[in-house]
Amino acid sequence: IIMFKRSIFIHSIAALILLPLFFSGCASTKYNYTPRAKDVSEPPLKSIVTVQIGDEMVKSGIVMEWSAIYVSDTIIANYLSLGSYTITVGYFKKCGEDDKYEYYKPFNGADSGDIISRGLEPWDSIRYSKEGKTFGLASTNGWYVSASDDNVRRVTRQFSDGDSFMQSLIYSGKVGNKIKLGYREFSNNLARPAFSNDVEYDLTESTIVGYKGARIEVIEATNQYIKYQVLQSFNQPR
């Protein structure tokens, strides 16, 4: 009995010694980050452009740009008998920050990384110091687990699951003196079929064509390509 109690005592002391390796300070995930809305308008006005059938001639709208980190190789944090955490390859979106740290999480997208937990503490977010000196996981209970950041880099990126709205005109070919264009709208990277339309223009009437505010001057058109310049995009004032 005495030896059994002594064994428990020794194991308890060992566990207390190992805990600082696993729980190195409190960490509370912040959720105060908002991505930046960015206007997109392509190609530049007055520039002469040539595209093939099926290509976009004009594209404009709003996309959301996120601060994120990219993990280029699997990161494994092992803590002896206390378990391990695996951060897989992919992107992690920023969700918040405080004076010293930024916080990142996986998201609902094909290019998202993941966190696989086999540890004692459930993870909540990735915590990365703004100076790039410390990197690791913040748990749901406010603890922090350190890891290597050798395969981590900060990026700014547009993601497929982010809020966005885009309009485009697509070249669909030429029959006689008439050209065909397809109008498409996308919301959150999903097509909006109810707002799609196919239009036809007779170049003998005018070489300047327009749709929903976009105005294009056609320089040359064949059934393989079109050469043109954009006089006004969808999101440009007249």
Foldseek 3Di string as FASTA:
>chain_A
DVVVVVVVVVVVVVVVVLVCQFFVFFADADQDDDFDKDWDWPDDFPDKDKDWAFDWPIKIWIFTKFKKKFQQAKWKDDRPPQFIKIKHGAIWTWRDDDPWKTWTHFDPAPRTIHMDTPGPFAFDTWIATPVRPWTFTHGPVGGTHTTDCPRMDIDMDTGLQGFIKMWTKGWHFDDDQKTKIKIWIDTSNHTDVVPIDMDMDRCVVPQWDDDQFWIKRWDDGHRTMTIIGTNDHNPDDD
